[in-house]
Amino acid sequence: MPYYIALIHKDADSCYGVSFPDWPGVFTAGDTIDEAMQQAAEVLEVAAEDWQHPNGSKAFPSPRTIDELRADTEFHKEAADAMIAVVPFRARAQAAE
């Protein structure tokens, strides 16, 4: 089962926001960290159903390794003050079965 890196942000008086460096424009949130992580796995499944990358491609973005992400200067900006987590991509695993 593939996993995607997620960034979790939390500002004072806000819920936990989750975004995915490899899935531009895909994000979710939850009132608790547990809820946010559950929502994160679900939003990847929903996004995969009708995914279209901003560049027009319909191919799912491949998950980058943490080393690949660390080499990306944009990731450094996005990850500032964020917690990093891994989220399973169940839709792809189910499609492969």
PDB file of N, CA and C in Angstrom:
ATOM      1  N   MET A   1       0.859  -1.176   0.000  1.00  0.00           N
ATOM      2  CA  MET A   1       0.000   0.000   0.000  1.00  0.00           C
ATOM      3  C   MET A   1       0.903   1.237   0.000  1.00  0.00           C
ATOM      4  N   PRO A   2       0.690   2.138  -0.940  1.00  0.00           N
ATOM      5  CA  PRO A   2       1.488   3.370  -0.945  1.00  0.00           C
ATOM      6  C   PRO A   2       1.051   4.324   0.171  1.00  0.00           C
ATOM      7  N   TYR A   3       1.983   5.149   0.583  1.00  0.00           N
ATOM      8  CA  TYR A   3       1.732   6.157   1.601  1.00  0.00           C
ATOM      9  C   TYR A   3       2.154   7.515   1.070  1.00  0.00           C
ATOM     10  N   TYR A   4       1.407   8.544   1.445  1.00  0.00           N
ATOM     11  CA  TYR A   4       1.739   9.917   1.071  1.00  0.00           C
ATOM     12  C   TYR A   4       2.090  10.713   2.315  1.00  0.00           C
ATOM     13  N   ILE A   5       3.037  11.602   2.157  1.00  0.00           N
ATOM     14  CA  ILE A   5       3.406  12.522   3.229  1.00  0.00           C
ATOM     15  C   ILE A   5       2.317  13.583   3.338  1.00  0.00           C
ATOM     16  N   ALA A   6       1.909  13.856   4.572  1.00  0.00           N
ATOM     17  CA  ALA A   6       0.911  14.897   4.842  1.00  0.00           C
ATOM     18  C   ALA A   6       1.524  15.927   5.776  1.00  0.00           C
ATOM     19  N   LEU A   7       1.098  17.156   5.619  1.00  0.00           N
ATOM     20  CA  LEU A   7       1.497  18.238   6.518  1.00  0.00           C
ATOM     21  C   LEU A   7       0.288  18.626   7.351  1.00  0.00           C
ATOM     22  N   ILE A   8       0.479  18.681   8.653  1.00  0.00           N
ATOM     23  CA  ILE A   8      -0.613  19.019   9.566  1.00  0.00           C
ATOM     24  C   ILE A   8      -0.285  20.359  10.215  1.00  0.00           C
ATOM     25  N   HIS A   9      -1.183  21.306  10.030  1.00  0.00           N
ATOM     26  CA  HIS A   9      -1.030  22.637  10.625  1.00  0.00           C
ATOM     27  C   HIS A   9      -2.124  22.867  11.655  1.00  0.00           C
ATOM     28  N   LYS A  10      -1.782  23.596  12.689  1.00  0.00           N
ATOM     29  CA  LYS A  10      -2.767  23.924  13.725  1.00  0.00           C
ATOM     30  C   LYS A  10      -2.451  25.320  14.243  1.00  0.00           C
ATOM     31  N   ASP A  11      -3.353  26.239  13.998  1.00  0.00           N
ATOM     32  CA  ASP A  11      -3.252  27.579  14.551  1.00  0.00           C
ATOM     33  C   ASP A  11      -4.112  27.646  15.807  1.00  0.00           C
ATOM     34  N   ALA A  12      -3.831  28.603  16.644  1.00  0.00           N
ATOM     35  CA  ALA A  12      -4.658  28.793  17.838  1.00  0.00           C
ATOM     36  C   ALA A  12      -6.102  29.006  17.411  1.00  0.00           C
ATOM     37  N   ASP A  13      -7.024  28.417  18.148  1.00  0.00           N
ATOM     38  CA  ASP A  13      -8.457  28.555  17.884  1.00  0.00           C
ATOM     39  C   ASP A  13      -8.869  28.075  16.496  1.00  0.00           C
ATOM     40  N   SER A  14      -8.186  27.040  15.980  1.00  0.00           N
ATOM     41  CA  SER A  14      -8.578  26.470  14.691  1.00  0.00           C
ATOM     42  C   SER A  14      -8.523  24.950  14.783  1.00  0.00           C
ATOM     43  N   CYS A  15      -9.049  24.304  13.763  1.00  0.00           N
ATOM     44  CA  CYS A  15      -8.961  22.855  13.706  1.00  0.00           C
ATOM     45  C   CYS A  15      -7.605  22.464  13.109  1.00  0.00           C
ATOM     46  N   TYR A  16      -7.345  21.166  13.043  1.00  0.00           N
ATOM     47  CA  TYR A  16      -6.120  20.657  12.437  1.00  0.00           C
ATOM     48  C   TYR A  16      -6.323  20.591  10.930  1.00  0.00           C
ATOM     49  N   GLY A  17      -5.490  21.286  10.183  1.00  0.00           N
ATOM     50  CA  GLY A  17      -5.561  21.260   8.726  1.00  0.00           C
ATOM     51  C   GLY A  17      -4.519  20.311   8.160  1.00  0.00           C
ATOM     52  N   VAL A  18      -4.907  19.534   7.169  1.00  0.00           N
ATOM     53  CA  VAL A  18      -4.012  18.553   6.558  1.00  0.00           C
ATOM     54  C   VAL A  18      -3.917  18.829   5.060  1.00  0.00           C
ATOM     55  N   SER A  19      -2.687  18.915   4.562  1.00  0.00           N
ATOM     56  CA  SER A  19      -2.460  19.087   3.130  1.00  0.00           C
ATOM     57  C   SER A  19      -1.417  18.066   2.681  1.00  0.00           C
ATOM     58  N   PHE A  20      -1.318  17.886   1.373  1.00  0.00           N
ATOM     59  CA  PHE A  20      -0.445  16.872   0.793  1.00  0.00           C
ATOM     60  C   PHE A  20       0.470  17.523  -0.244  1.00  0.00           C
ATOM     61  N   PRO A  21       1.766  17.558   0.009  1.00  0.00           N
ATOM     62  CA  PRO A  21       2.678  18.161  -0.970  1.00  0.00           C
ATOM     63  C   PRO A  21       2.603  17.535  -2.362  1.00  0.00           C
ATOM     64  N   ASP A  22       2.270  16.244  -2.436  1.00  0.00           N
ATOM     65  CA  ASP A  22       2.207  15.567  -3.736  1.00  0.00           C
ATOM     66  C   ASP A  22       0.845  15.676  -4.417  1.00  0.00           C
ATOM     67  N   TRP A  23      -0.164  16.171  -3.713  1.00  0.00           N
ATOM     68  CA  TRP A  23      -1.514  16.320  -4.265  1.00  0.00           C
ATOM     69  C   TRP A  23      -1.918  17.790  -4.155  1.00  0.00           C
ATOM     70  N   PRO A  24      -1.479  18.636  -5.070  1.00  0.00           N
ATOM     71  CA  PRO A  24      -1.818  20.065  -4.988  1.00  0.00           C
ATOM     72  C   PRO A  24      -3.323  20.293  -4.935  1.00  0.00           C
ATOM     73  N   GLY A  25      -3.744  21.131  -4.003  1.00  0.00           N
ATOM     74  CA  GLY A  25      -5.150  21.482  -3.887  1.00  0.00           C
ATOM     75  C   GLY A  25      -5.990  20.514  -3.084  1.00  0.00           C
ATOM     76  N   VAL A  26      -5.415  19.407  -2.631  1.00  0.00           N
ATOM     77  CA  VAL A  26      -6.158  18.441  -1.820  1.00  0.00           C
ATOM     78  C   VAL A  26      -5.835  18.715  -0.355  1.00  0.00           C
ATOM     79  N   PHE A  27      -6.878  18.958   0.418  1.00  0.00           N
ATOM     80  CA  PHE A  27      -6.684  19.229   1.841  1.00  0.00           C
ATOM     81  C   PHE A  27      -7.942  18.845   2.600  1.00  0.00           C
ATOM     82  N   THR A  28      -7.811  18.742   3.898  1.00  0.00           N
ATOM     83  CA  THR A  28      -8.941  18.420   4.767  1.00  0.00           C
ATOM     84  C   THR A  28      -8.629  18.960   6.149  1.00  0.00           C
ATOM     85  N   ALA A  29      -9.547  18.742   7.080  1.00  0.00           N
ATOM     86  CA  ALA A  29      -9.357  19.226   8.441  1.00  0.00           C
ATOM     87  C   ALA A  29     -10.157  18.370   9.405  1.00  0.00           C
ATOM     88  N   GLY A  30      -9.816  18.496  10.678  1.00  0.00           N
ATOM     89  CA  GLY A  30     -10.550  17.801  11.725  1.00  0.00           C
ATOM     90  C   GLY A  30     -10.389  18.539  13.040  1.00  0.00           C
ATOM     91  N   ASP A  31     -11.361  18.374  13.914  1.00  0.00           N
ATOM     92  CA  ASP A  31     -11.321  19.041  15.218  1.00  0.00           C
ATOM     93  C   ASP A  31     -10.253  18.449  16.135  1.00  0.00           C
ATOM     94  N   THR A  32      -9.927  17.159  15.939  1.00  0.00           N
ATOM     95  CA  THR A  32      -8.874  16.502  16.712  1.00  0.00           C
ATOM     96  C   THR A  32      -7.852  15.945  15.728  1.00  0.00           C
ATOM     97  N   ILE A  33      -6.683  15.601  16.250  1.00  0.00           N
ATOM     98  CA  ILE A  33      -5.659  15.019  15.379  1.00  0.00           C
ATOM     99  C   ILE A  33      -6.129  13.679  14.823  1.00  0.00           C
ATOM    100  N   ASP A  34      -6.836  12.896  15.634  1.00  0.00           N
ATOM    101  CA  ASP A  34      -7.362  11.612  15.146  1.00  0.00           C
ATOM    102  C   ASP A  34      -8.360  11.809  14.018  1.00  0.00           C
ATOM    103  N   GLU A  35      -9.264  12.764  14.192  1.00  0.00           N
ATOM    104  CA  GLU A  35     -10.250  13.045  13.152  1.00  0.00           C
ATOM    105  C   GLU A  35      -9.569  13.549  11.884  1.00  0.00           C
ATOM    106  N   ALA A  36      -8.578  14.399  12.042  1.00  0.00           N
ATOM    107  CA  ALA A  36      -7.863  14.935  10.873  1.00  0.00           C
ATOM    108  C   ALA A  36      -7.164  13.827  10.101  1.00  0.00           C
ATOM    109  N   MET A  37      -6.557  12.871  10.793  1.00  0.00           N
ATOM    110  CA  MET A  37      -5.861  11.780  10.113  1.00  0.00           C
ATOM    111  C   MET A  37      -6.846  10.836   9.425  1.00  0.00           C
ATOM    112  N   GLN A  38      -7.986  10.596  10.038  1.00  0.00           N
ATOM    113  CA  GLN A  38      -9.012   9.769   9.390  1.00  0.00           C
ATOM    114  C   GLN A  38      -9.523  10.481   8.139  1.00  0.00           C
ATOM    115  N   GLN A  39      -9.793  11.755   8.258  1.00  0.00           N
ATOM    116  CA  GLN A  39     -10.248  12.546   7.114  1.00  0.00           C
ATOM    117  C   GLN A  39      -9.194  12.557   6.010  1.00  0.00           C
ATOM    118  N   ALA A  40      -7.914  12.589   6.388  1.00  0.00           N
ATOM    119  CA  ALA A  40      -6.834  12.634   5.398  1.00  0.00           C
ATOM    120  C   ALA A  40      -6.864  11.403   4.498  1.00  0.00           C
ATOM    121  N   ALA A  41      -7.012  10.215   5.096  1.00  0.00           N
ATOM    122  CA  ALA A  41      -7.074   8.990   4.294  1.00  0.00           C
ATOM    123  C   ALA A  41      -8.302   8.999   3.383  1.00  0.00           C
ATOM    124  N   GLU A  42      -9.413   9.485   3.902  1.00  0.00           N
ATOM    125  CA  GLU A  42     -10.642   9.519   3.102  1.00  0.00           C
ATOM    126  C   GLU A  42     -10.562  10.527   1.962  1.00  0.00           C
ATOM    127  N   VAL A  43      -9.959  11.686   2.207  1.00  0.00           N
ATOM    128  CA  VAL A  43      -9.902  12.702   1.154  1.00  0.00           C
ATOM    129  C   VAL A  43      -9.012  12.246   0.001  1.00  0.00           C
ATOM    130  N   LEU A  44      -7.983  11.452   0.284  1.00  0.00           N
ATOM    131  CA  LEU A  44      -7.165  10.918  -0.817  1.00  0.00           C
ATOM    132  C   LEU A  44      -7.991   9.992  -1.702  1.00  0.00           C
ATOM    133  N   GLU A  45      -8.837   9.165  -1.095  1.00  0.00           N
ATOM    134  CA  GLU A  45      -9.695   8.274  -1.870  1.00  0.00           C
ATOM    135  C   GLU A  45     -10.648   9.072  -2.754  1.00  0.00           C
ATOM    136  N   VAL A  46     -11.265  10.098  -2.195  1.00  0.00           N
ATOM    137  CA  VAL A  46     -12.212  10.928  -2.952  1.00  0.00           C
ATOM    138  C   VAL A  46     -11.477  11.663  -4.073  1.00  0.00           C
ATOM    139  N   ALA A  47     -10.321  12.204  -3.763  1.00  0.00           N
ATOM    140  CA  ALA A  47      -9.556  12.944  -4.775  1.00  0.00           C
ATOM    141  C   ALA A  47      -9.169  12.042  -5.944  1.00  0.00           C
ATOM    142  N   ALA A  48      -8.874  10.792  -5.658  1.00  0.00           N
ATOM    143  CA  ALA A  48      -8.463   9.861  -6.707  1.00  0.00           C
ATOM    144  C   ALA A  48      -9.583   9.548  -7.684  1.00  0.00           C
ATOM    145  N   GLU A  49     -10.825   9.656  -7.235  1.00  0.00           N
ATOM    146  CA  GLU A  49     -11.965   9.313  -8.093  1.00  0.00           C
ATOM    147  C   GLU A  49     -12.055  10.208  -9.326  1.00  0.00           C
ATOM    148  N   ASP A  50     -11.749  11.478  -9.169  1.00  0.00           N
ATOM    149  CA  ASP A  50     -11.831  12.386 -10.328  1.00  0.00           C
ATOM    150  C   ASP A  50     -10.640  13.324 -10.358  1.00  0.00           C
ATOM    151  N   TRP A  51      -9.480  12.784 -10.041  1.00  0.00           N
ATOM    152  CA  TRP A  51      -8.259  13.576  -9.978  1.00  0.00           C
ATOM    153  C   TRP A  51      -7.909  14.205 -11.317  1.00  0.00           C
ATOM    154  N   GLN A  52      -7.562  15.458 -11.256  1.00  0.00           N
ATOM    155  CA  GLN A  52      -6.956  16.132 -12.395  1.00  0.00           C
ATOM    156  C   GLN A  52      -5.962  17.122 -11.821  1.00  0.00           C
ATOM    157  N   HIS A  53      -4.689  16.901 -12.141  1.00  0.00           N
ATOM    158  CA  HIS A  53      -3.614  17.760 -11.675  1.00  0.00           C
ATOM    159  C   HIS A  53      -3.803  19.144 -12.278  1.00  0.00           C
ATOM    160  N   PRO A  54      -3.396  20.185 -11.575  1.00  0.00           N
ATOM    161  CA  PRO A  54      -3.506  21.534 -12.153  1.00  0.00           C
ATOM    162  C   PRO A  54      -2.861  21.670 -13.529  1.00  0.00           C
ATOM    163  N   ASN A  55      -1.906  20.793 -13.874  1.00  0.00           N
ATOM    164  CA  ASN A  55      -1.284  20.864 -15.201  1.00  0.00           C
ATOM    165  C   ASN A  55      -2.095  20.108 -16.255  1.00  0.00           C
ATOM    166  N   GLY A  56      -3.263  19.535 -15.843  1.00  0.00           N
ATOM    167  CA  GLY A  56      -4.140  18.846 -16.785  1.00  0.00           C
ATOM    168  C   GLY A  56      -4.000  17.337 -16.804  1.00  0.00           C
ATOM    169  N   SER A  57      -2.963  16.797 -16.177  1.00  0.00           N
ATOM    170  CA  SER A  57      -2.731  15.355 -16.154  1.00  0.00           C
ATOM    171  C   SER A  57      -3.769  14.657 -15.284  1.00  0.00           C
ATOM    172  N   LYS A  58      -4.200  13.473 -15.710  1.00  0.00           N
ATOM    173  CA  LYS A  58      -5.142  12.683 -14.909  1.00  0.00           C
ATOM    174  C   LYS A  58      -4.436  11.600 -14.101  1.00  0.00           C
ATOM    175  N   ALA A  59      -3.130  11.419 -14.303  1.00  0.00           N
ATOM    176  CA  ALA A  59      -2.378  10.400 -13.572  1.00  0.00           C
ATOM    177  C   ALA A  59      -2.245  10.795 -12.106  1.00  0.00           C
ATOM    178  N   PHE A  60      -2.421   9.810 -11.211  1.00  0.00           N
ATOM    179  CA  PHE A  60      -2.226  10.073  -9.788  1.00  0.00           C
ATOM    180  C   PHE A  60      -0.791  10.534  -9.570  1.00  0.00           C
ATOM    181  N   PRO A  61      -0.602  11.481  -8.695  1.00  0.00           N
ATOM    182  CA  PRO A  61       0.772  11.862  -8.371  1.00  0.00           C
ATOM    183  C   PRO A  61       1.462  10.715  -7.632  1.00  0.00           C
ATOM    184  N   SER A  62       2.682  10.438  -7.986  1.00  0.00           N
ATOM    185  CA  SER A  62       3.438   9.410  -7.281  1.00  0.00           C
ATOM    186  C   SER A  62       3.899   9.958  -5.940  1.00  0.00           C
ATOM    187  N   PRO A  63       3.879   9.122  -4.909  1.00  0.00           N
ATOM    188  CA  PRO A  63       4.358   9.616  -3.620  1.00  0.00           C
ATOM    189  C   PRO A  63       5.872   9.795  -3.642  1.00  0.00           C
ATOM    190  N   ARG A  64       6.316  10.946  -3.174  1.00  0.00           N
ATOM    191  CA  ARG A  64       7.750  11.190  -3.068  1.00  0.00           C
ATOM    192  C   ARG A  64       8.241  10.719  -1.698  1.00  0.00           C
ATOM    193  N   THR A  65       9.487  10.342  -1.655  1.00  0.00           N
ATOM    194  CA  THR A  65      10.093   9.958  -0.384  1.00  0.00           C
ATOM    195  C   THR A  65      10.375  11.219   0.423  1.00  0.00           C
ATOM    196  N   ILE A  66      10.613  11.034   1.699  1.00  0.00           N
ATOM    197  CA  ILE A  66      10.938  12.181   2.533  1.00  0.00           C
ATOM    198  C   ILE A  66      12.231  12.838   2.051  1.00  0.00           C
ATOM    199  N   ASP A  67      13.179  12.055   1.544  1.00  0.00           N
ATOM    200  CA  ASP A  67      14.419  12.633   1.013  1.00  0.00           C
ATOM    201  C   ASP A  67      14.142  13.500  -0.213  1.00  0.00           C
ATOM    202  N   GLU A  68      13.248  13.034  -1.088  1.00  0.00           N
ATOM    203  CA  GLU A  68      12.883  13.836  -2.262  1.00  0.00           C
ATOM    204  C   GLU A  68      12.186  15.126  -1.839  1.00  0.00           C
ATOM    205  N   LEU A  69      11.308  15.020  -0.867  1.00  0.00           N
ATOM    206  CA  LEU A  69      10.618  16.216  -0.387  1.00  0.00           C
ATOM    207  C   LEU A  69      11.582  17.194   0.272  1.00  0.00           C
ATOM    208  N   ARG A  70      12.528  16.694   1.035  1.00  0.00           N
ATOM    209  CA  ARG A  70      13.508  17.571   1.687  1.00  0.00           C
ATOM    210  C   ARG A  70      14.346  18.348   0.680  1.00  0.00           C
ATOM    211  N   ALA A  71      14.510  17.818  -0.519  1.00  0.00           N
ATOM    212  CA  ALA A  71      15.268  18.505  -1.563  1.00  0.00           C
ATOM    213  C   ALA A  71      14.431  19.571  -2.277  1.00  0.00           C
ATOM    214  N   ASP A  72      13.138  19.639  -1.984  1.00  0.00           N
ATOM    215  CA  ASP A  72      12.206  20.570  -2.627  1.00  0.00           C
ATOM    216  C   ASP A  72      12.059  21.827  -1.761  1.00  0.00           C
ATOM    217  N   THR A  73      12.497  22.972  -2.283  1.00  0.00           N
ATOM    218  CA  THR A  73      12.441  24.214  -1.499  1.00  0.00           C
ATOM    219  C   THR A  73      11.003  24.617  -1.177  1.00  0.00           C
ATOM    220  N   GLU A  74      10.056  24.303  -2.051  1.00  0.00           N
ATOM    221  CA  GLU A  74       8.651  24.620  -1.783  1.00  0.00           C
ATOM    222  C   GLU A  74       8.138  23.817  -0.580  1.00  0.00           C
ATOM    223  N   PHE A  75       8.582  22.567  -0.471  1.00  0.00           N
ATOM    224  CA  PHE A  75       8.207  21.741   0.666  1.00  0.00           C
ATOM    225  C   PHE A  75       8.684  22.376   1.972  1.00  0.00           C
ATOM    226  N   HIS A  76       9.893  22.923   1.968  1.00  0.00           N
ATOM    227  CA  HIS A  76      10.415  23.568   3.175  1.00  0.00           C
ATOM    228  C   HIS A  76       9.508  24.711   3.612  1.00  0.00           C
ATOM    229  N   LYS A  77       9.010  25.481   2.667  1.00  0.00           N
ATOM    230  CA  LYS A  77       8.101  26.585   2.993  1.00  0.00           C
ATOM    231  C   LYS A  77       6.782  26.049   3.549  1.00  0.00           C
ATOM    232  N   GLU A  78       6.219  25.039   2.874  1.00  0.00           N
ATOM    233  CA  GLU A  78       4.936  24.474   3.288  1.00  0.00           C
ATOM    234  C   GLU A  78       5.039  23.772   4.638  1.00  0.00           C
ATOM    235  N   ALA A  79       6.192  23.171   4.916  1.00  0.00           N
ATOM    236  CA  ALA A  79       6.361  22.375   6.130  1.00  0.00           C
ATOM    237  C   ALA A  79       6.737  23.200   7.356  1.00  0.00           C
ATOM    238  N   ALA A  80       7.018  24.479   7.156  1.00  0.00           N
ATOM    239  CA  ALA A  80       7.377  25.315   8.299  1.00  0.00           C
ATOM    240  C   ALA A  80       6.241  25.281   9.318  1.00  0.00           C
ATOM    241  N   ASP A  81       6.579  24.993  10.552  1.00  0.00           N
ATOM    242  CA  ASP A  81       5.603  24.933  11.657  1.00  0.00           C
ATOM    243  C   ASP A  81       4.540  23.854  11.461  1.00  0.00           C
ATOM    244  N   ALA A  82       4.831  22.828  10.683  1.00  0.00           N
ATOM    245  CA  ALA A  82       3.865  21.738  10.464  1.00  0.00           C
ATOM    246  C   ALA A  82       4.381  20.451  11.089  1.00  0.00           C
ATOM    247  N   MET A  83       3.459  19.586  11.441  1.00  0.00           N
ATOM    248  CA  MET A  83       3.803  18.213  11.800  1.00  0.00           C
ATOM    249  C   MET A  83       3.759  17.415  10.493  1.00  0.00           C
ATOM    250  N   ILE A  84       4.618  16.427  10.392  1.00  0.00           N
ATOM    251  CA  ILE A  84       4.650  15.589   9.197  1.00  0.00           C
ATOM    252  C   ILE A  84       4.125  14.212   9.567  1.00  0.00           C
ATOM    253  N   ALA A  85       3.241  13.681   8.728  1.00  0.00           N
ATOM    254  CA  ALA A  85       2.657  12.365   8.948  1.00  0.00           C
ATOM    255  C   ALA A  85       2.628  11.609   7.627  1.00  0.00           C
ATOM    256  N   VAL A  86       2.429  10.312   7.698  1.00  0.00           N
ATOM    257  CA  VAL A  86       2.220   9.508   6.491  1.00  0.00           C
ATOM    258  C   VAL A  86       0.782   9.013   6.504  1.00  0.00           C
ATOM    259  N   VAL A  87       0.175   9.024   5.317  1.00  0.00           N
ATOM    260  CA  VAL A  87      -1.233   8.644   5.173  1.00  0.00           C
ATOM    261  C   VAL A  87      -1.321   7.546   4.129  1.00  0.00           C
ATOM    262  N   PRO A  88      -1.983   6.430   4.454  1.00  0.00           N
ATOM    263  CA  PRO A  88      -2.113   5.353   3.474  1.00  0.00           C
ATOM    264  C   PRO A  88      -3.054   5.764   2.340  1.00  0.00           C
ATOM    265  N   PHE A  89      -2.711   5.344   1.145  1.00  0.00           N
ATOM    266  CA  PHE A  89      -3.552   5.600  -0.026  1.00  0.00           C
ATOM    267  C   PHE A  89      -4.271   4.311  -0.358  1.00  0.00           C
ATOM    268  N   ARG A  90      -5.422   4.087   0.286  1.00  0.00           N
ATOM    269  CA  ARG A  90      -6.164   2.843   0.151  1.00  0.00           C
ATOM    270  C   ARG A  90      -6.789   2.661  -1.218  1.00  0.00           C
ATOM    271  N   ALA A  91      -7.154   3.737  -1.895  1.00  0.00           N
ATOM    272  CA  ALA A  91      -7.811   3.603  -3.200  1.00  0.00           C
ATOM    273  C   ALA A  91      -6.920   2.883  -4.189  1.00  0.00           C
ATOM    274  N   ARG A  92      -5.649   3.226  -4.210  1.00  0.00           N
ATOM    275  CA  ARG A  92      -4.738   2.571  -5.138  1.00  0.00           C
ATOM    276  C   ARG A  92      -4.529   1.118  -4.734  1.00  0.00           C
ATOM    277  N   ALA A  93      -4.412   0.866  -3.431  1.00  0.00           N
ATOM    278  CA  ALA A  93      -4.221  -0.504  -2.968  1.00  0.00           C
ATOM    279  C   ALA A  93      -5.445  -1.358  -3.325  1.00  0.00           C
ATOM    280  N   GLN A  94      -6.632  -0.823  -3.178  1.00  0.00           N
ATOM    281  CA  GLN A  94      -7.846  -1.554  -3.513  1.00  0.00           C
ATOM    282  C   GLN A  94      -7.951  -1.784  -5.016  1.00  0.00           C
ATOM    283  N   ALA A  95      -7.521  -0.808  -5.808  1.00  0.00           N
ATOM    284  CA  ALA A  95      -7.576  -0.955  -7.265  1.00  0.00           C
ATOM    285  C   ALA A  95      -6.619  -2.045  -7.750  1.00  0.00           C
ATOM    286  N   ALA A  96      -5.517  -2.243  -7.013  1.00  0.00           N
ATOM    287  CA  ALA A  96      -4.527  -3.233  -7.410  1.00  0.00           C
ATOM    288  C   ALA A  96      -4.966  -4.649  -7.059  1.00  0.00           C
ATOM    289  N   GLU A  97      -5.931  -4.803  -6.183  1.00  0.00           N
ATOM    290  CA  GLU A  97      -6.350  -6.142  -5.747  1.00  0.00           C
ATOM    291  C   GLU A  97      -7.154  -6.845  -6.811  1.00  0.00           C
TER     292      GLU A  97
END
